[in-house]
Amino acid sequence: MRRYMQTVSGCLDRVWAKQLAKMHQSYKAPKRYFLKERANVDACGGTVPPTGATGFYCEARKTYYVLAESKAWSSKEGLWAAHSVARMHSYYIQDLVGIMDYGDELEAKAVSRDEQMLVINRSADQTACFAGAALQSMRDTLPSWSKFMARYKRDQDLKAYAAWLDRGFSSGRPGSCNTWTAPSKSIG
């Protein structure tokens, strides 16, 4: 699985370098680690990825960590693994272009917990959309998108996330991922 994730990461580097070049921005690949087990990284707040997660982006190190051990992924879950890598890569893209700073500012200005959660969810939904857009460029090498999405769409708690993920994949364009101006009812 580690080799597969490294290959996906290489594809993501090419996709995002091309996208950022259109914006006249340079691209530098993030650091990434595909772990056999969770690791303690003090600069990132402790154990990464946290319990219950398969990936984690550490802003302090401009690095993402994804579990690649055989227990986390079966051979039938290539798209789940690709999605996990693409999503962590999307957090890096948000960081690289300043979206993460913008979200941090909005979160700091929020006057209620509900407003803070809306900002956090806008960011998370955007990473889903970015991941979908990037994965679209790899569609010919991926397992069935509709089967993958069916698992997300069954979970009501992930309905908005799934919609943004599918939106990114359907369009193949990061420009379709503006969760920051979308109505709050469309945000998870």
Foldseek 3Di string as FASTA:
>chain_A
DVVLLVVLLVLLQVLVQVVVVVVVDHDDRFAEEADCDWDADVQQPTTPPPPPDQKDARLSRLYIYGHDHCVVDPPVPSVVSSLSSQLSSLVSVCSRVVVVVVLVVQLVPDPDPVSNVLSVQLSSLLSLLSSLLSCLVVVVVDPDPVVVLVVQCVDPVNPLSSVSNVQSNVVSDSVSRRSVPDPSVSTD
